[in-house]
Amino acid sequence: MIRHMIFWDLADPSMDRSELAAFLKSTFDPMVGAVPGLRCAHIGFDQGMGTHDVGLCCDLDSLEALAAYQDYPPHVAFKGWAKEHFKERCCVDLEVSE
């Protein structure tokens, strides 16, 4: 299994977090079950101890599933949105046992 983790900083720290949380949930929740091999997607705000504002953690069946997720049209659209609204980005893809 692949654990795909991304961390961002907000480009505008004064952005309305409740609106952003609703947008992120409505973006990622429908992908689970629609993207083959995407088992879960959790996205939310740092709780005060981390180095970034927002984090995403997805579990996928395989590297092939990760590649399909990268090309999934709603995910591609989100990446375009993210370039405008997030600044720093950090990504790690780990192989984990189930």
N, C-alpha and C. Protein backbone atom coordinates (compact mmCIF):
# COMPACT_ATOMS: atom_id res chain seq x y z
N MET A 1 0.85 -1.17 0.00
CA MET A 1 0.00 0.00 0.00
C MET A 1 0.90 1.24 0.00
N ILE A 2 0.44 2.28 -0.66
CA ILE A 2 1.17 3.55 -0.72
C ILE A 2 0.42 4.59 0.12
N ARG A 3 1.14 5.24 1.00
CA ARG A 3 0.59 6.36 1.77
C ARG A 3 1.16 7.63 1.17
N HIS A 4 0.28 8.42 0.58
CA HIS A 4 0.62 9.66 -0.12
C HIS A 4 0.30 10.82 0.82
N MET A 5 1.34 11.57 1.21
CA MET A 5 1.15 12.66 2.16
C MET A 5 1.69 13.96 1.56
N ILE A 6 0.87 14.99 1.67
CA ILE A 6 1.26 16.31 1.17
C ILE A 6 0.97 17.33 2.25
N PHE A 7 1.85 18.32 2.35
CA PHE A 7 1.68 19.39 3.33
C PHE A 7 1.88 20.72 2.62
N TRP A 8 1.04 21.70 2.97
CA TRP A 8 1.10 23.02 2.36
C TRP A 8 1.04 24.10 3.43
N ASP A 9 1.49 25.28 3.03
CA ASP A 9 1.23 26.51 3.79
C ASP A 9 0.24 27.33 2.99
N LEU A 10 -0.64 28.01 3.69
CA LEU A 10 -1.61 28.89 3.03
C LEU A 10 -0.90 30.11 2.45
N ALA A 11 -1.25 30.47 1.23
CA ALA A 11 -0.71 31.70 0.63
C ALA A 11 -1.28 32.91 1.37
N ASP A 12 -2.53 32.81 1.82
CA ASP A 12 -3.19 33.88 2.57
C ASP A 12 -3.60 33.32 3.93
N PRO A 13 -2.80 33.55 4.96
CA PRO A 13 -3.13 32.99 6.28
C PRO A 13 -4.47 33.46 6.85
N SER A 14 -5.02 34.55 6.31
CA SER A 14 -6.31 35.03 6.80
C SER A 14 -7.49 34.38 6.08
N MET A 15 -7.20 33.42 5.19
CA MET A 15 -8.26 32.71 4.46
C MET A 15 -9.24 32.10 5.45
N ASP A 16 -10.53 32.15 5.14
CA ASP A 16 -11.57 31.59 6.00
C ASP A 16 -11.41 30.07 6.07
N ARG A 17 -11.01 29.57 7.21
CA ARG A 17 -10.72 28.14 7.35
C ARG A 17 -11.97 27.27 7.28
N SER A 18 -13.08 27.76 7.74
CA SER A 18 -14.29 26.93 7.66
C SER A 18 -14.73 26.77 6.20
N GLU A 19 -14.63 27.83 5.41
CA GLU A 19 -14.93 27.73 3.97
C GLU A 19 -13.94 26.81 3.28
N LEU A 20 -12.67 26.96 3.61
CA LEU A 20 -11.64 26.13 3.00
C LEU A 20 -11.84 24.67 3.38
N ALA A 21 -12.15 24.38 4.63
CA ALA A 21 -12.38 23.01 5.08
C ALA A 21 -13.54 22.38 4.30
N ALA A 22 -14.62 23.13 4.11
CA ALA A 22 -15.77 22.62 3.36
C ALA A 22 -15.38 22.35 1.90
N PHE A 23 -14.61 23.25 1.31
CA PHE A 23 -14.16 23.07 -0.07
C PHE A 23 -13.27 21.82 -0.19
N LEU A 24 -12.33 21.67 0.71
CA LEU A 24 -11.42 20.52 0.64
C LEU A 24 -12.17 19.21 0.82
N LYS A 25 -13.11 19.18 1.76
CA LYS A 25 -13.91 17.98 1.99
C LYS A 25 -14.72 17.65 0.74
N SER A 26 -15.35 18.65 0.15
CA SER A 26 -16.18 18.40 -1.04
C SER A 26 -15.33 18.04 -2.26
N THR A 27 -14.06 18.36 -2.23
CA THR A 27 -13.16 18.01 -3.32
C THR A 27 -12.66 16.58 -3.18
N PHE A 28 -12.22 16.20 -1.99
CA PHE A 28 -11.56 14.91 -1.81
C PHE A 28 -12.50 13.76 -1.47
N ASP A 29 -13.56 13.99 -0.73
CA ASP A 29 -14.45 12.89 -0.36
C ASP A 29 -14.99 12.12 -1.57
N PRO A 30 -15.43 12.81 -2.65
CA PRO A 30 -15.96 12.07 -3.80
C PRO A 30 -14.90 11.26 -4.57
N MET A 31 -13.64 11.57 -4.37
CA MET A 31 -12.60 10.82 -5.08
C MET A 31 -12.45 9.40 -4.53
N VAL A 32 -12.72 9.24 -3.23
CA VAL A 32 -12.63 7.90 -2.62
C VAL A 32 -13.77 7.06 -3.20
N GLY A 33 -13.40 5.95 -3.81
CA GLY A 33 -14.39 5.11 -4.47
C GLY A 33 -14.52 5.40 -5.95
N ALA A 34 -14.17 6.62 -6.36
CA ALA A 34 -14.23 6.97 -7.78
C ALA A 34 -12.88 6.71 -8.47
N VAL A 35 -11.80 6.95 -7.74
CA VAL A 35 -10.47 6.68 -8.28
C VAL A 35 -10.12 5.24 -7.91
N PRO A 36 -9.89 4.39 -8.92
CA PRO A 36 -9.55 3.00 -8.60
C PRO A 36 -8.32 2.91 -7.70
N GLY A 37 -8.47 2.20 -6.59
CA GLY A 37 -7.35 1.99 -5.68
C GLY A 37 -7.17 3.05 -4.62
N LEU A 38 -7.96 4.13 -4.65
CA LEU A 38 -7.87 5.16 -3.61
C LEU A 38 -8.75 4.72 -2.45
N ARG A 39 -8.13 4.28 -1.35
CA ARG A 39 -8.84 3.72 -0.21
C ARG A 39 -9.43 4.79 0.71
N CYS A 40 -8.66 5.84 0.94
CA CYS A 40 -9.14 6.91 1.83
C CYS A 40 -8.34 8.18 1.55
N ALA A 41 -8.94 9.29 1.92
CA ALA A 41 -8.29 10.60 1.80
C ALA A 41 -8.70 11.43 3.01
N HIS A 42 -7.72 11.86 3.78
CA HIS A 42 -7.96 12.70 4.95
C HIS A 42 -7.23 14.02 4.72
N ILE A 43 -7.94 15.12 4.89
CA ILE A 43 -7.32 16.42 4.71
C ILE A 43 -7.81 17.34 5.82
N GLY A 44 -6.89 18.16 6.33
CA GLY A 44 -7.28 19.07 7.40
C GLY A 44 -6.15 19.99 7.80
N PHE A 45 -6.41 20.75 8.84
CA PHE A 45 -5.48 21.78 9.30
C PHE A 45 -4.58 21.26 10.42
N ASP A 46 -3.36 21.77 10.44
CA ASP A 46 -2.44 21.47 11.52
C ASP A 46 -3.05 21.93 12.84
N GLN A 47 -2.80 21.18 13.88
CA GLN A 47 -3.35 21.48 15.19
C GLN A 47 -2.39 22.25 16.10
N GLY A 48 -1.32 22.79 15.52
CA GLY A 48 -0.45 23.67 16.27
C GLY A 48 0.96 23.20 16.51
N MET A 49 1.28 21.96 16.22
CA MET A 49 2.62 21.44 16.50
C MET A 49 3.44 21.21 15.23
N GLY A 50 2.81 21.34 14.07
CA GLY A 50 3.49 21.01 12.81
C GLY A 50 4.18 22.20 12.17
N THR A 51 4.69 21.95 10.98
CA THR A 51 5.45 22.96 10.25
C THR A 51 4.68 23.54 9.07
N HIS A 52 3.50 22.98 8.75
CA HIS A 52 2.69 23.45 7.63
C HIS A 52 1.25 23.66 8.09
N ASP A 53 0.48 24.38 7.29
CA ASP A 53 -0.90 24.72 7.66
C ASP A 53 -1.91 23.61 7.39
N VAL A 54 -1.75 22.92 6.25
CA VAL A 54 -2.74 21.96 5.77
C VAL A 54 -2.03 20.66 5.42
N GLY A 55 -2.66 19.54 5.71
CA GLY A 55 -2.10 18.24 5.35
C GLY A 55 -3.12 17.35 4.69
N LEU A 56 -2.65 16.52 3.76
CA LEU A 56 -3.46 15.53 3.08
C LEU A 56 -2.77 14.18 3.21
N CYS A 57 -3.53 13.16 3.57
CA CYS A 57 -3.00 11.80 3.66
C CYS A 57 -3.96 10.88 2.93
N CYS A 58 -3.45 10.20 1.89
CA CYS A 58 -4.25 9.26 1.11
C CYS A 58 -3.60 7.89 1.16
N ASP A 59 -4.40 6.85 1.27
CA ASP A 59 -3.92 5.48 1.15
C ASP A 59 -4.40 4.92 -0.18
N LEU A 60 -3.45 4.36 -0.94
CA LEU A 60 -3.75 3.81 -2.26
C LEU A 60 -3.21 2.39 -2.34
N ASP A 61 -3.84 1.59 -3.19
CA ASP A 61 -3.46 0.18 -3.31
C ASP A 61 -2.04 -0.01 -3.82
N SER A 62 -1.57 0.87 -4.71
CA SER A 62 -0.30 0.63 -5.40
C SER A 62 0.23 1.92 -6.02
N LEU A 63 1.44 1.84 -6.55
CA LEU A 63 1.99 2.98 -7.29
C LEU A 63 1.17 3.26 -8.55
N GLU A 64 0.61 2.22 -9.14
CA GLU A 64 -0.25 2.40 -10.32
C GLU A 64 -1.52 3.19 -9.94
N ALA A 65 -2.08 2.88 -8.78
CA ALA A 65 -3.24 3.62 -8.31
C ALA A 65 -2.87 5.08 -8.03
N LEU A 66 -1.68 5.31 -7.49
CA LEU A 66 -1.21 6.68 -7.26
C LEU A 66 -1.09 7.43 -8.58
N ALA A 67 -0.57 6.77 -9.61
CA ALA A 67 -0.45 7.40 -10.93
C ALA A 67 -1.83 7.74 -11.49
N ALA A 68 -2.80 6.84 -11.33
CA ALA A 68 -4.15 7.11 -11.81
C ALA A 68 -4.77 8.28 -11.05
N TYR A 69 -4.53 8.34 -9.76
CA TYR A 69 -5.03 9.45 -8.94
C TYR A 69 -4.44 10.77 -9.40
N GLN A 70 -3.17 10.79 -9.74
CA GLN A 70 -2.51 12.02 -10.19
C GLN A 70 -3.16 12.58 -11.46
N ASP A 71 -3.67 11.68 -12.32
CA ASP A 71 -4.27 12.10 -13.59
C ASP A 71 -5.79 12.21 -13.54
N TYR A 72 -6.40 11.93 -12.40
CA TYR A 72 -7.85 11.99 -12.27
C TYR A 72 -8.30 13.45 -12.41
N PRO A 73 -9.21 13.76 -13.34
CA PRO A 73 -9.54 15.17 -13.64
C PRO A 73 -9.87 16.06 -12.44
N PRO A 74 -10.68 15.63 -11.45
CA PRO A 74 -10.89 16.52 -10.30
C PRO A 74 -9.61 16.78 -9.50
N HIS A 75 -8.71 15.81 -9.47
CA HIS A 75 -7.44 16.02 -8.78
C HIS A 75 -6.56 16.98 -9.56
N VAL A 76 -6.55 16.85 -10.87
CA VAL A 76 -5.79 17.79 -11.72
C VAL A 76 -6.32 19.21 -11.52
N ALA A 77 -7.63 19.36 -11.47
CA ALA A 77 -8.23 20.68 -11.24
C ALA A 77 -7.83 21.22 -9.87
N PHE A 78 -7.83 20.35 -8.85
CA PHE A 78 -7.43 20.79 -7.51
C PHE A 78 -5.97 21.27 -7.52
N LYS A 79 -5.09 20.56 -8.22
CA LYS A 79 -3.68 20.97 -8.25
C LYS A 79 -3.54 22.36 -8.83
N GLY A 80 -4.34 22.70 -9.84
CA GLY A 80 -4.32 24.06 -10.39
C GLY A 80 -4.78 25.08 -9.36
N TRP A 81 -5.86 24.74 -8.64
CA TRP A 81 -6.36 25.61 -7.58
C TRP A 81 -5.30 25.79 -6.50
N ALA A 82 -4.66 24.69 -6.11
CA ALA A 82 -3.67 24.72 -5.02
C ALA A 82 -2.50 25.63 -5.34
N LYS A 83 -2.08 25.68 -6.59
CA LYS A 83 -0.95 26.54 -6.97
C LYS A 83 -1.24 28.01 -6.68
N GLU A 84 -2.52 28.38 -6.70
CA GLU A 84 -2.91 29.77 -6.43
C GLU A 84 -3.13 30.04 -4.95
N HIS A 85 -3.51 29.03 -4.18
CA HIS A 85 -3.93 29.26 -2.79
C HIS A 85 -2.98 28.73 -1.72
N PHE A 86 -2.04 27.90 -2.13
CA PHE A 86 -1.04 27.39 -1.20
C PHE A 86 0.33 27.83 -1.67
N LYS A 87 1.28 27.93 -0.74
CA LYS A 87 2.65 28.24 -1.15
C LYS A 87 3.53 27.04 -0.92
N GLU A 88 4.24 26.96 0.14
CA GLU A 88 5.13 25.82 0.37
C GLU A 88 4.40 24.50 0.20
N ARG A 89 5.06 23.52 -0.42
CA ARG A 89 4.48 22.19 -0.62
C ARG A 89 5.55 21.15 -0.32
N CYS A 90 5.17 20.13 0.42
CA CYS A 90 6.06 19.02 0.74
C CYS A 90 5.27 17.74 0.47
N CYS A 91 5.87 16.76 -0.20
CA CYS A 91 5.19 15.52 -0.54
C CYS A 91 6.07 14.33 -0.23
N VAL A 92 5.46 13.28 0.33
CA VAL A 92 6.15 12.02 0.59
C VAL A 92 5.20 10.89 0.24
N ASP A 93 5.69 9.89 -0.49
CA ASP A 93 4.94 8.69 -0.81
C ASP A 93 5.65 7.50 -0.18
N LEU A 94 5.02 6.92 0.83
CA LEU A 94 5.63 5.81 1.57
C LEU A 94 4.99 4.49 1.20
N GLU A 95 5.79 3.45 1.13
CA GLU A 95 5.22 2.11 1.05
C GLU A 95 5.02 1.65 2.49
N VAL A 96 3.79 1.25 2.81
CA VAL A 96 3.46 0.82 4.16
C VAL A 96 2.78 -0.54 4.11
N SER A 97 2.95 -1.31 5.17
CA SER A 97 2.25 -2.59 5.24
C SER A 97 0.82 -2.34 5.71
N GLU A 98 -0.05 -3.25 5.36
CA GLU A 98 -1.47 -3.05 5.68
C GLU A 98 -1.82 -3.45 7.06
